[in-house]
Amino acid sequence: MPSNVDYGDFLLACVNCGTQASGLGTHFNAFTFDLVVIDTTDNVQGEFVGTSAGGSIWSDVSQVSVSWSPLQLGPGTSNVLAGLGTTFNNTFFTISSPTLIVAPNSGSPAGDTTVQGTVNSSAIPEPATLLLLGAGLLGLGVLRRKAGVTRNVA
């Protein structure tokens, strides 16, 4: 089952900006942002690369957005970085693209935009997990059978 996750935040501030109507704003140049995801379960890491053409901002308007590539890390060796392990196994991470950066007077706290995505796994339970589950069910069956047997003592 996929889980929604927050991969991090962009916090946009513009101390000397006015509203768009006032004309007092600023411009952000193009930028690149690397978001490294470390999967501690599989001891592997991957990277989403965010790029933005930049844009103008005012206290009440932002024209800045970030597009991400790739859109998915894993499963298996898909988009694994060198360093830790070599495979995400059956887990994969997706990211929502683009991320729209909110105006400095929006969000909570002000100017805060979260980077959203999902984590999903198509993992099949390990044989040991299935063995434990089976043993537990067998134990419950034996316990129930014993509880149903009555002895007649003469």
C-alpha atoms as a PDB file:
ATOM      1  CA  MET A   1       0.000   0.000   0.000  1.00  0.00           C
ATOM      2  CA  PRO A   2       1.543   3.371  -0.935  1.00  0.00           C
ATOM      3  CA  SER A   3       2.285   5.876   1.806  1.00  0.00           C
ATOM      4  CA  ASN A   4       2.289   9.623   1.216  1.00  0.00           C
ATOM      5  CA  VAL A   5       5.466  11.240   2.470  1.00  0.00           C
ATOM      6  CA  ASP A   6       6.959  14.681   2.855  1.00  0.00           C
ATOM      7  CA  TYR A   7      10.476  14.624   1.365  1.00  0.00           C
ATOM      8  CA  GLY A   8      11.340  18.081   2.692  1.00  0.00           C
ATOM      9  CA  ASP A   9      10.532  21.750   2.445  1.00  0.00           C
ATOM     10  CA  PHE A  10      11.314  24.848   0.445  1.00  0.00           C
ATOM     11  CA  LEU A  11      11.003  28.027   2.498  1.00  0.00           C
ATOM     12  CA  LEU A  12      10.637  31.171   0.399  1.00  0.00           C
ATOM     13  CA  ALA A  13      11.235  34.512   2.068  1.00  0.00           C
ATOM     14  CA  CYS A  14      11.448  38.012   0.639  1.00  0.00           C
ATOM     15  CA  VAL A  15      11.931  40.599   3.357  1.00  0.00           C
ATOM     16  CA  ASN A  16      11.693  43.677   1.115  1.00  0.00           C
ATOM     17  CA  CYS A  17       8.957  42.419  -1.234  1.00  0.00           C
ATOM     18  CA  GLY A  18       5.608  44.087  -1.617  1.00  0.00           C
ATOM     19  CA  THR A  19       2.513  42.743  -3.342  1.00  0.00           C
ATOM     20  CA  GLN A  20       2.512  42.085  -7.082  1.00  0.00           C
ATOM     21  CA  ALA A  21       0.272  45.143  -7.496  1.00  0.00           C
ATOM     22  CA  SER A  22       2.933  47.323  -5.848  1.00  0.00           C
ATOM     23  CA  GLY A  23       5.560  46.056  -8.296  1.00  0.00           C
ATOM     24  CA  LEU A  24       8.125  45.579  -5.514  1.00  0.00           C
ATOM     25  CA  GLY A  25       9.415  42.023  -5.875  1.00  0.00           C
ATOM     26  CA  THR A  26      12.548  40.124  -6.716  1.00  0.00           C
ATOM     27  CA  HIS A  27      13.740  37.545  -9.223  1.00  0.00           C
ATOM     28  CA  PHE A  28      15.251  34.113  -8.562  1.00  0.00           C
ATOM     29  CA  ASN A  29      17.694  32.842 -11.181  1.00  0.00           C
ATOM     30  CA  ALA A  30      17.537  29.269 -12.462  1.00  0.00           C
ATOM     31  CA  PHE A  31      18.743  26.648  -9.975  1.00  0.00           C
ATOM     32  CA  THR A  32      19.218  22.921  -9.501  1.00  0.00           C
ATOM     33  CA  PHE A  33      18.445  21.025  -6.317  1.00  0.00           C
ATOM     34  CA  ASP A  34      19.485  17.453  -5.428  1.00  0.00           C
ATOM     35  CA  LEU A  35      17.225  15.475  -3.103  1.00  0.00           C
ATOM     36  CA  VAL A  36      18.942  12.307  -1.847  1.00  0.00           C
ATOM     37  CA  VAL A  37      16.723   9.532  -0.478  1.00  0.00           C
ATOM     38  CA  ILE A  38      18.342   6.920   1.763  1.00  0.00           C
ATOM     39  CA  ASP A  39      16.367   3.692   2.183  1.00  0.00           C
ATOM     40  CA  THR A  40      17.636   2.338   5.505  1.00  0.00           C
ATOM     41  CA  THR A  41      15.716  -0.928   5.075  1.00  0.00           C
ATOM     42  CA  ASP A  42      17.650  -1.879   1.939  1.00  0.00           C
ATOM     43  CA  ASN A  43      20.742   0.236   2.776  1.00  0.00           C
ATOM     44  CA  VAL A  44      20.600   1.997  -0.595  1.00  0.00           C
ATOM     45  CA  GLN A  45      20.279   5.562  -1.801  1.00  0.00           C
ATOM     46  CA  GLY A  46      18.907   7.339  -4.845  1.00  0.00           C
ATOM     47  CA  GLU A  47      18.574  10.921  -5.976  1.00  0.00           C
ATOM     48  CA  PHE A  48      15.829  13.128  -7.350  1.00  0.00           C
ATOM     49  CA  VAL A  49      17.218  16.158  -9.224  1.00  0.00           C
ATOM     50  CA  GLY A  50      15.049  19.266  -9.143  1.00  0.00           C
ATOM     51  CA  THR A  51      15.456  22.006 -11.728  1.00  0.00           C
ATOM     52  CA  SER A  52      13.838  25.399 -11.868  1.00  0.00           C
ATOM     53  CA  ALA A  53      13.892  28.134 -14.461  1.00  0.00           C
ATOM     54  CA  GLY A  54      13.574  30.578 -11.547  1.00  0.00           C
ATOM     55  CA  GLY A  55      11.012  33.325 -11.677  1.00  0.00           C
ATOM     56  CA  SER A  56       9.743  36.468 -10.078  1.00  0.00           C
ATOM     57  CA  ILE A  57       8.203  36.611  -6.621  1.00  0.00           C
ATOM     58  CA  TRP A  58       6.270  39.150  -4.619  1.00  0.00           C
ATOM     59  CA  SER A  59       4.935  38.810  -1.088  1.00  0.00           C
ATOM     60  CA  ASP A  60       1.631  37.483  -2.479  1.00  0.00           C
ATOM     61  CA  VAL A  61       2.707  35.703  -5.705  1.00  0.00           C
ATOM     62  CA  SER A  62       5.404  33.199  -6.664  1.00  0.00           C
ATOM     63  CA  GLN A  63       6.248  32.162 -10.217  1.00  0.00           C
ATOM     64  CA  VAL A  64       8.891  29.642  -9.072  1.00  0.00           C
ATOM     65  CA  SER A  65       8.419  25.895  -9.527  1.00  0.00           C
ATOM     66  CA  VAL A  66      10.717  22.865  -9.423  1.00  0.00           C
ATOM     67  CA  SER A  67      10.475  19.940 -11.866  1.00  0.00           C
ATOM     68  CA  TRP A  68      11.954  16.590 -10.803  1.00  0.00           C
ATOM     69  CA  SER A  69      13.838  13.842 -12.585  1.00  0.00           C
ATOM     70  CA  PRO A  70      13.627  10.921 -12.388  1.00  0.00           C
ATOM     71  CA  LEU A  71      10.054  10.606 -11.129  1.00  0.00           C
ATOM     72  CA  GLN A  72      10.739   7.247  -9.457  1.00  0.00           C
ATOM     73  CA  LEU A  73      13.562   5.534  -7.575  1.00  0.00           C
ATOM     74  CA  GLY A  74      13.502   1.724  -7.515  1.00  0.00           C
ATOM     75  CA  PRO A  75      12.379  -0.970  -7.486  1.00  0.00           C
ATOM     76  CA  GLY A  76      15.529  -2.966  -8.017  1.00  0.00           C
ATOM     77  CA  THR A  77      18.535  -1.076  -9.325  1.00  0.00           C
ATOM     78  CA  SER A  78      16.521   1.733 -10.949  1.00  0.00           C
ATOM     79  CA  ASN A  79      18.289   5.067 -10.225  1.00  0.00           C
ATOM     80  CA  VAL A  80      20.547   3.735  -7.448  1.00  0.00           C
ATOM     81  CA  LEU A  81      23.474   5.991  -6.478  1.00  0.00           C
ATOM     82  CA  ALA A  82      26.906   4.563  -5.814  1.00  0.00           C
ATOM     83  CA  GLY A  83      27.950   4.374  -2.187  1.00  0.00           C
ATOM     84  CA  LEU A  84      25.650   2.209  -0.143  1.00  0.00           C
ATOM     85  CA  GLY A  85      23.790  -0.867  -1.402  1.00  0.00           C
ATOM     86  CA  THR A  86      23.014  -1.738  -4.997  1.00  0.00           C
ATOM     87  CA  THR A  87      19.248  -2.351  -5.037  1.00  0.00           C
ATOM     88  CA  PHE A  88      16.022  -0.926  -3.641  1.00  0.00           C
ATOM     89  CA  ASN A  89      14.669  -4.503  -3.713  1.00  0.00           C
ATOM     90  CA  ASN A  90      10.865  -4.200  -4.011  1.00  0.00           C
ATOM     91  CA  THR A  91      10.546  -0.663  -2.622  1.00  0.00           C
ATOM     92  CA  PHE A  92      10.073   2.359  -4.834  1.00  0.00           C
ATOM     93  CA  PHE A  93       9.862   6.079  -4.180  1.00  0.00           C
ATOM     94  CA  THR A  94       7.931   8.478  -6.427  1.00  0.00           C
ATOM     95  CA  ILE A  95       7.873  12.263  -6.350  1.00  0.00           C
ATOM     96  CA  SER A  96       5.176  14.761  -7.331  1.00  0.00           C
ATOM     97  CA  SER A  97       6.324  17.022 -10.134  1.00  0.00           C
ATOM     98  CA  PRO A  98       6.339  19.921 -10.454  1.00  0.00           C
ATOM     99  CA  THR A  99       6.594  21.348  -6.949  1.00  0.00           C
ATOM    100  CA  LEU A 100       5.074  24.822  -6.959  1.00  0.00           C
ATOM    101  CA  ILE A 101       6.872  27.131  -4.540  1.00  0.00           C
ATOM    102  CA  VAL A 102       4.286  29.192  -2.649  1.00  0.00           C
ATOM    103  CA  ALA A 103       4.446  32.943  -2.107  1.00  0.00           C
ATOM    104  CA  PRO A 104       6.155  34.275   1.046  1.00  0.00           C
ATOM    105  CA  ASN A 105       2.774  35.100   2.633  1.00  0.00           C
ATOM    106  CA  SER A 106       1.348  31.576   2.004  1.00  0.00           C
ATOM    107  CA  GLY A 107       1.913  28.256   3.720  1.00  0.00           C
ATOM    108  CA  SER A 108       2.458  27.365   7.339  1.00  0.00           C
ATOM    109  CA  PRO A 109       4.893  28.686   8.388  1.00  0.00           C
ATOM    110  CA  ALA A 110       4.767  31.557   5.921  1.00  0.00           C
ATOM    111  CA  GLY A 111       6.501  30.736   2.620  1.00  0.00           C
ATOM    112  CA  ASP A 112       6.685  26.992   3.350  1.00  0.00           C
ATOM    113  CA  THR A 113       6.178  24.495   0.499  1.00  0.00           C
ATOM    114  CA  THR A 114       6.512  20.744   1.070  1.00  0.00           C
ATOM    115  CA  VAL A 115       7.941  18.336  -1.489  1.00  0.00           C
ATOM    116  CA  GLN A 116       5.492  15.426  -1.709  1.00  0.00           C
ATOM    117  CA  GLY A 117       5.798  11.853  -2.896  1.00  0.00           C
ATOM    118  CA  THR A 118       4.924   8.255  -2.096  1.00  0.00           C
ATOM    119  CA  VAL A 119       6.729   5.176  -0.862  1.00  0.00           C
ATOM    120  CA  ASN A 120       5.434   1.832  -2.060  1.00  0.00           C
ATOM    121  CA  SER A 121       6.533  -1.766  -1.805  1.00  0.00           C
ATOM    122  CA  SER A 122       5.597  -4.779  -3.832  1.00  0.00           C
ATOM    123  CA  ALA A 123       7.462  -6.992  -1.395  1.00  0.00           C
ATOM    124  CA  ILE A 124       6.362 -10.562  -0.934  1.00  0.00           C
ATOM    125  CA  PRO A 125       6.663 -11.755   2.678  1.00  0.00           C
ATOM    126  CA  GLU A 126       9.858 -13.662   3.448  1.00  0.00           C
ATOM    127  CA  PRO A 127       9.582 -17.428   3.991  1.00  0.00           C
ATOM    128  CA  ALA A 128      10.472 -16.947   7.674  1.00  0.00           C
ATOM    129  CA  THR A 129       7.558 -14.527   8.098  1.00  0.00           C
ATOM    130  CA  LEU A 130       5.172 -17.005   6.480  1.00  0.00           C
ATOM    131  CA  LEU A 131       6.555 -19.799   8.681  1.00  0.00           C
ATOM    132  CA  LEU A 132       5.929 -17.754  11.844  1.00  0.00           C
ATOM    133  CA  LEU A 133       2.400 -16.901  10.704  1.00  0.00           C
ATOM    134  CA  GLY A 134       1.690 -20.553   9.894  1.00  0.00           C
ATOM    135  CA  ALA A 135       3.076 -21.729  13.252  1.00  0.00           C
ATOM    136  CA  GLY A 136       0.903 -19.197  15.077  1.00  0.00           C
ATOM    137  CA  LEU A 137      -2.235 -20.343  13.261  1.00  0.00           C
ATOM    138  CA  LEU A 138      -1.369 -23.995  13.916  1.00  0.00           C
ATOM    139  CA  GLY A 139      -0.877 -23.198  17.613  1.00  0.00           C
ATOM    140  CA  LEU A 140      -4.258 -21.489  17.791  1.00  0.00           C
ATOM    141  CA  GLY A 141      -5.876 -24.491  16.123  1.00  0.00           C
ATOM    142  CA  VAL A 142      -4.305 -26.905  18.620  1.00  0.00           C
ATOM    143  CA  LEU A 143      -5.307 -24.678  21.544  1.00  0.00           C
ATOM    144  CA  ARG A 144      -8.895 -24.522  20.298  1.00  0.00           C
ATOM    145  CA  ARG A 145      -9.056 -28.287  19.846  1.00  0.00           C
ATOM    146  CA  LYS A 146      -7.777 -28.861  23.410  1.00  0.00           C
ATOM    147  CA  ALA A 147     -10.298 -26.401  24.810  1.00  0.00           C
ATOM    148  CA  GLY A 148     -13.113 -28.311  23.097  1.00  0.00           C
ATOM    149  CA  VAL A 149     -12.160 -31.719  24.593  1.00  0.00           C
ATOM    150  CA  THR A 150     -13.779 -32.622  27.909  1.00  0.00           C
ATOM    151  CA  ARG A 151     -12.815 -35.501  30.159  1.00  0.00           C
ATOM    152  CA  ASN A 152     -15.212 -37.685  31.989  1.00  0.00           C
ATOM    153  CA  VAL A 153     -13.763 -38.801  35.274  1.00  0.00           C
ATOM    154  CA  ALA A 154     -15.591 -41.685  36.908  1.00  0.00           C
END
